[in-house]
């Protein structure tokens, strides 16, 4: 089964693609991932939580 795991999150069955043009350890999360998370920005910090947590 395909999965995307990062930090405390483990999402399965989420459409994704890799962008080899991203520099270093940068990652771009699209709406196919973000719709499974609650996110809040406080200053320059983005806080991610699993929906329902």
PDB file of N, CA and C in Angstrom:
ATOM      1  N   UNK A   1       0.848  -1.183   0.000  1.00  0.00           N
ATOM      2  CA  UNK A   1       0.000   0.000   0.000  1.00  0.00           C
ATOM      3  C   UNK A   1       0.887   1.238   0.000  1.00  0.00           C
ATOM      4  N   UNK A   2       0.554   2.187  -0.832  1.00  0.00           N
ATOM      5  CA  UNK A   2       1.320   3.434  -0.878  1.00  0.00           C
ATOM      6  C   UNK A   2       0.989   4.287   0.343  1.00  0.00           C
ATOM      7  N   UNK A   3       2.003   4.930   0.877  1.00  0.00           N
ATOM      8  CA  UNK A   3       1.805   5.753   2.072  1.00  0.00           C
ATOM      9  C   UNK A   3       2.736   6.947   2.039  1.00  0.00           C
ATOM     10  N   UNK A   4       2.313   8.003   2.713  1.00  0.00           N
ATOM     11  CA  UNK A   4       3.135   9.187   2.923  1.00  0.00           C
ATOM     12  C   UNK A   4       3.272   9.340   4.424  1.00  0.00           C
ATOM     13  N   UNK A   5       4.489   9.303   4.916  1.00  0.00           N
ATOM     14  CA  UNK A   5       4.726   9.437   6.350  1.00  0.00           C
ATOM     15  C   UNK A   5       5.716  10.568   6.589  1.00  0.00           C
ATOM     16  N   UNK A   6       5.357  11.447   7.512  1.00  0.00           N
ATOM     17  CA  UNK A   6       6.263  12.523   7.917  1.00  0.00           C
ATOM     18  C   UNK A   6       5.883  12.932   9.330  1.00  0.00           C
ATOM     19  N   UNK A   7       6.896  13.112  10.174  1.00  0.00           N
ATOM     20  CA  UNK A   7       6.633  13.428  11.574  1.00  0.00           C
ATOM     21  C   UNK A   7       5.682  12.396  12.166  1.00  0.00           C
ATOM     22  N   UNK A   8       4.643  12.847  12.878  1.00  0.00           N
ATOM     23  CA  UNK A   8       3.690  11.910  13.481  1.00  0.00           C
ATOM     24  C   UNK A   8       2.582  11.463  12.520  1.00  0.00           C
ATOM     25  N   UNK A   9       2.637  11.893  11.268  1.00  0.00           N
ATOM     26  CA  UNK A   9       1.555  11.634  10.317  1.00  0.00           C
ATOM     27  C   UNK A   9       1.871  10.454   9.413  1.00  0.00           C
ATOM     28  N   UNK A  10       0.855   9.648   9.174  1.00  0.00           N
ATOM     29  CA  UNK A  10       0.960   8.506   8.271  1.00  0.00           C
ATOM     30  C   UNK A  10      -0.328   8.481   7.449  1.00  0.00           C
ATOM     31  N   UNK A  11      -0.245   8.940   6.205  1.00  0.00           N
ATOM     32  CA  UNK A  11      -1.419   9.028   5.341  1.00  0.00           C
ATOM     33  C   UNK A  11      -1.329   7.952   4.279  1.00  0.00           C
ATOM     34  N   UNK A  12      -2.450   7.307   4.009  1.00  0.00           N
ATOM     35  CA  UNK A  12      -2.484   6.219   3.019  1.00  0.00           C
ATOM     36  C   UNK A  12      -3.486   6.551   1.925  1.00  0.00           C
ATOM     37  N   UNK A  13      -3.157   6.141   0.707  1.00  0.00           N
ATOM     38  CA  UNK A  13      -4.053   6.341  -0.421  1.00  0.00           C
ATOM     39  C   UNK A  13      -4.185   7.791  -0.853  1.00  0.00           C
ATOM     40  N   UNK A  14      -3.179   8.603  -0.576  1.00  0.00           N
ATOM     41  CA  UNK A  14      -3.198  10.017  -0.955  1.00  0.00           C
ATOM     42  C   UNK A  14      -2.421  10.178  -2.262  1.00  0.00           C
ATOM     43  N   UNK A  15      -3.047  10.763  -3.289  1.00  0.00           N
ATOM     44  CA  UNK A  15      -2.316  10.982  -4.539  1.00  0.00           C
ATOM     45  C   UNK A  15      -1.129  11.919  -4.290  1.00  0.00           C
ATOM     46  N   UNK A  16       0.021  11.576  -4.847  1.00  0.00           N
ATOM     47  CA  UNK A  16       1.219  12.390  -4.635  1.00  0.00           C
ATOM     48  C   UNK A  16       2.160  12.231  -5.816  1.00  0.00           C
ATOM     49  N   UNK A  17       3.071  13.180  -5.932  1.00  0.00           N
ATOM     50  CA  UNK A  17       4.132  13.082  -6.935  1.00  0.00           C
ATOM     51  C   UNK A  17       5.387  13.702  -6.354  1.00  0.00           C
ATOM     52  N   UNK A  18       6.524  13.267  -6.846  1.00  0.00           N
ATOM     53  CA  UNK A  18       7.811  13.797  -6.406  1.00  0.00           C
ATOM     54  C   UNK A  18       8.266  14.856  -7.391  1.00  0.00           C
ATOM     55  N   UNK A  19       8.820  15.928  -6.862  1.00  0.00           N
ATOM     56  CA  UNK A  19       9.342  17.002  -7.690  1.00  0.00           C
ATOM     57  C   UNK A  19      10.854  17.047  -7.521  1.00  0.00           C
ATOM     58  N   UNK A  20      11.609  16.465  -8.448  1.00  0.00           N
ATOM     59  CA  UNK A  20      13.060  16.423  -8.296  1.00  0.00           C
ATOM     60  C   UNK A  20      13.714  17.801  -8.386  1.00  0.00           C
ATOM     61  N   UNK A  21      12.969  18.822  -8.776  1.00  0.00           N
ATOM     62  CA  UNK A  21      13.523  20.169  -8.871  1.00  0.00           C
ATOM     63  C   UNK A  21      13.605  20.901  -7.548  1.00  0.00           C
ATOM     64  N   UNK A  22      13.033  20.349  -6.483  1.00  0.00           N
ATOM     65  CA  UNK A  22      13.078  21.004  -5.174  1.00  0.00           C
ATOM     66  C   UNK A  22      14.501  20.905  -4.624  1.00  0.00           C
ATOM     67  N   UNK A  23      14.946  21.979  -4.013  1.00  0.00           N
ATOM     68  CA  UNK A  23      16.320  22.046  -3.503  1.00  0.00           C
ATOM     69  C   UNK A  23      16.428  21.412  -2.118  1.00  0.00           C
ATOM     70  N   UNK A  24      17.518  20.708  -1.883  1.00  0.00           N
ATOM     71  CA  UNK A  24      17.838  20.169  -0.558  1.00  0.00           C
ATOM     72  C   UNK A  24      16.734  19.320   0.029  1.00  0.00           C
ATOM     73  N   UNK A  25      16.333  19.649   1.274  1.00  0.00           N
ATOM     74  CA  UNK A  25      15.315  18.861   1.967  1.00  0.00           C
ATOM     75  C   UNK A  25      13.941  19.542   1.928  1.00  0.00           C
ATOM     76  N   UNK A  26      13.730  20.451   0.970  1.00  0.00           N
ATOM     77  CA  UNK A  26      12.442  21.132   0.840  1.00  0.00           C
ATOM     78  C   UNK A  26      11.375  20.170   0.325  1.00  0.00           C
ATOM     79  N   UNK A  27      10.164  20.334   0.854  1.00  0.00           N
ATOM     80  CA  UNK A  27       9.036  19.497   0.460  1.00  0.00           C
ATOM     81  C   UNK A  27       7.845  20.413   0.226  1.00  0.00           C
ATOM     82  N   UNK A  28       7.074  20.108  -0.800  1.00  0.00           N
ATOM     83  CA  UNK A  28       5.857  20.850  -1.085  1.00  0.00           C
ATOM     84  C   UNK A  28       4.673  19.919  -0.863  1.00  0.00           C
ATOM     85  N   UNK A  29       3.795  20.278   0.086  1.00  0.00           N
ATOM     86  CA  UNK A  29       2.599  19.486   0.350  1.00  0.00           C
ATOM     87  C   UNK A  29       1.426  20.135  -0.381  1.00  0.00           C
ATOM     88  N   UNK A  30       0.737  19.367  -1.195  1.00  0.00           N
ATOM     89  CA  UNK A  30      -0.408  19.879  -1.932  1.00  0.00           C
ATOM     90  C   UNK A  30      -1.703  19.653  -1.172  1.00  0.00           C
ATOM     91  N   UNK A  31      -2.791  20.098  -1.763  1.00  0.00           N
ATOM     92  CA  UNK A  31      -4.102  19.983  -1.121  1.00  0.00           C
ATOM     93  C   UNK A  31      -4.537  18.534  -0.935  1.00  0.00           C
ATOM     94  N   UNK A  32      -4.014  17.604  -1.763  1.00  0.00           N
ATOM     95  CA  UNK A  32      -4.370  16.191  -1.566  1.00  0.00           C
ATOM     96  C   UNK A  32      -3.890  15.698  -0.202  1.00  0.00           C
ATOM     97  N   UNK A  33      -2.853  16.311   0.345  1.00  0.00           N
ATOM     98  CA  UNK A  33      -2.351  15.981   1.688  1.00  0.00           C
ATOM     99  C   UNK A  33      -2.982  16.905   2.725  1.00  0.00           C
ATOM    100  N   UNK A  34      -2.982  18.204   2.450  1.00  0.00           N
ATOM    101  CA  UNK A  34      -3.436  19.176   3.443  1.00  0.00           C
ATOM    102  C   UNK A  34      -4.910  19.022   3.802  1.00  0.00           C
ATOM    103  N   UNK A  35      -5.736  18.463   2.907  1.00  0.00           N
ATOM    104  CA  UNK A  35      -7.152  18.293   3.246  1.00  0.00           C
ATOM    105  C   UNK A  35      -7.357  17.237   4.329  1.00  0.00           C
ATOM    106  N   UNK A  36      -6.313  16.475   4.655  1.00  0.00           N
ATOM    107  CA  UNK A  36      -6.378  15.485   5.730  1.00  0.00           C
ATOM    108  C   UNK A  36      -5.858  16.044   7.047  1.00  0.00           C
ATOM    109  N   UNK A  37      -5.387  17.301   7.020  1.00  0.00           N
ATOM    110  CA  UNK A  37      -4.770  17.911   8.198  1.00  0.00           C
ATOM    111  C   UNK A  37      -5.439  19.231   8.536  1.00  0.00           C
ATOM    112  N   UNK A  38      -5.349  19.599   9.787  1.00  0.00           N
ATOM    113  CA  UNK A  38      -5.740  20.939  10.234  1.00  0.00           C
ATOM    114  C   UNK A  38      -4.447  21.728  10.325  1.00  0.00           C
ATOM    115  N   UNK A  39      -4.415  22.907   9.760  1.00  0.00           N
ATOM    116  CA  UNK A  39      -3.187  23.679   9.857  1.00  0.00           C
ATOM    117  C   UNK A  39      -3.478  25.109  10.283  1.00  0.00           C
ATOM    118  N   UNK A  40      -2.609  25.627  11.149  1.00  0.00           N
ATOM    119  CA  UNK A  40      -2.724  26.966  11.707  1.00  0.00           C
ATOM    120  C   UNK A  40      -1.361  27.636  11.598  1.00  0.00           C
ATOM    121  N   UNK A  41      -1.367  28.897  11.216  1.00  0.00           N
ATOM    122  CA  UNK A  41      -0.108  29.639  11.156  1.00  0.00           C
ATOM    123  C   UNK A  41      -0.066  30.628  12.302  1.00  0.00           C
ATOM    124  N   UNK A  42       1.032  30.585  13.049  1.00  0.00           N
ATOM    125  CA  UNK A  42       1.281  31.538  14.132  1.00  0.00           C
ATOM    126  C   UNK A  42       2.626  32.179  13.863  1.00  0.00           C
ATOM    127  N   UNK A  43       2.598  33.405  13.399  1.00  0.00           N
ATOM    128  CA  UNK A  43       3.841  34.078  13.016  1.00  0.00           C
ATOM    129  C   UNK A  43       4.465  33.347  11.849  1.00  0.00           C
ATOM    130  N   UNK A  44       5.708  32.935  12.007  1.00  0.00           N
ATOM    131  CA  UNK A  44       6.393  32.212  10.927  1.00  0.00           C
ATOM    132  C   UNK A  44       6.392  30.697  11.146  1.00  0.00           C
ATOM    133  N   UNK A  45       5.477  30.209  12.021  1.00  0.00           N
ATOM    134  CA  UNK A  45       5.387  28.783  12.319  1.00  0.00           C
ATOM    135  C   UNK A  45       4.071  28.227  11.803  1.00  0.00           C
ATOM    136  N   UNK A  46       4.127  27.108  11.087  1.00  0.00           N
ATOM    137  CA  UNK A  46       2.939  26.406  10.607  1.00  0.00           C
ATOM    138  C   UNK A  46       2.742  25.179  11.487  1.00  0.00           C
ATOM    139  N   UNK A  47       1.575  25.081  12.133  1.00  0.00           N
ATOM    140  CA  UNK A  47       1.266  23.983  13.035  1.00  0.00           C
ATOM    141  C   UNK A  47       0.302  23.042  12.323  1.00  0.00           C
ATOM    142  N   UNK A  48       0.683  21.772  12.203  1.00  0.00           N
ATOM    143  CA  UNK A  48      -0.131  20.760  11.557  1.00  0.00           C
ATOM    144  C   UNK A  48      -0.675  19.794  12.596  1.00  0.00           C
ATOM    145  N   UNK A  49      -1.953  19.424  12.451  1.00  0.00           N
ATOM    146  CA  UNK A  49      -2.589  18.432  13.318  1.00  0.00           C
ATOM    147  C   UNK A  49      -3.445  17.538  12.446  1.00  0.00           C
ATOM    148  N   UNK A  50      -3.552  16.281  12.835  1.00  0.00           N
ATOM    149  CA  UNK A  50      -4.473  15.377  12.147  1.00  0.00           C
ATOM    150  C   UNK A  50      -5.889  15.853  12.421  1.00  0.00           C
ATOM    151  N   UNK A  51      -6.739  15.813  11.421  1.00  0.00           N
ATOM    152  CA  UNK A  51      -8.137  16.193  11.615  1.00  0.00           C
ATOM    153  C   UNK A  51      -8.762  15.324  12.694  1.00  0.00           C
ATOM    154  N   UNK A  52      -9.530  15.933  13.583  1.00  0.00           N
ATOM    155  CA  UNK A  52     -10.178  15.192  14.653  1.00  0.00           C
ATOM    156  C   UNK A  52      -9.338  15.046  15.900  1.00  0.00           C
ATOM    157  N   UNK A  53      -8.098  15.571  15.880  1.00  0.00           N
ATOM    158  CA  UNK A  53      -7.234  15.452  17.075  1.00  0.00           C
ATOM    159  C   UNK A  53      -7.416  16.643  17.988  1.00  0.00           C
TER     160      UNK A  53
END
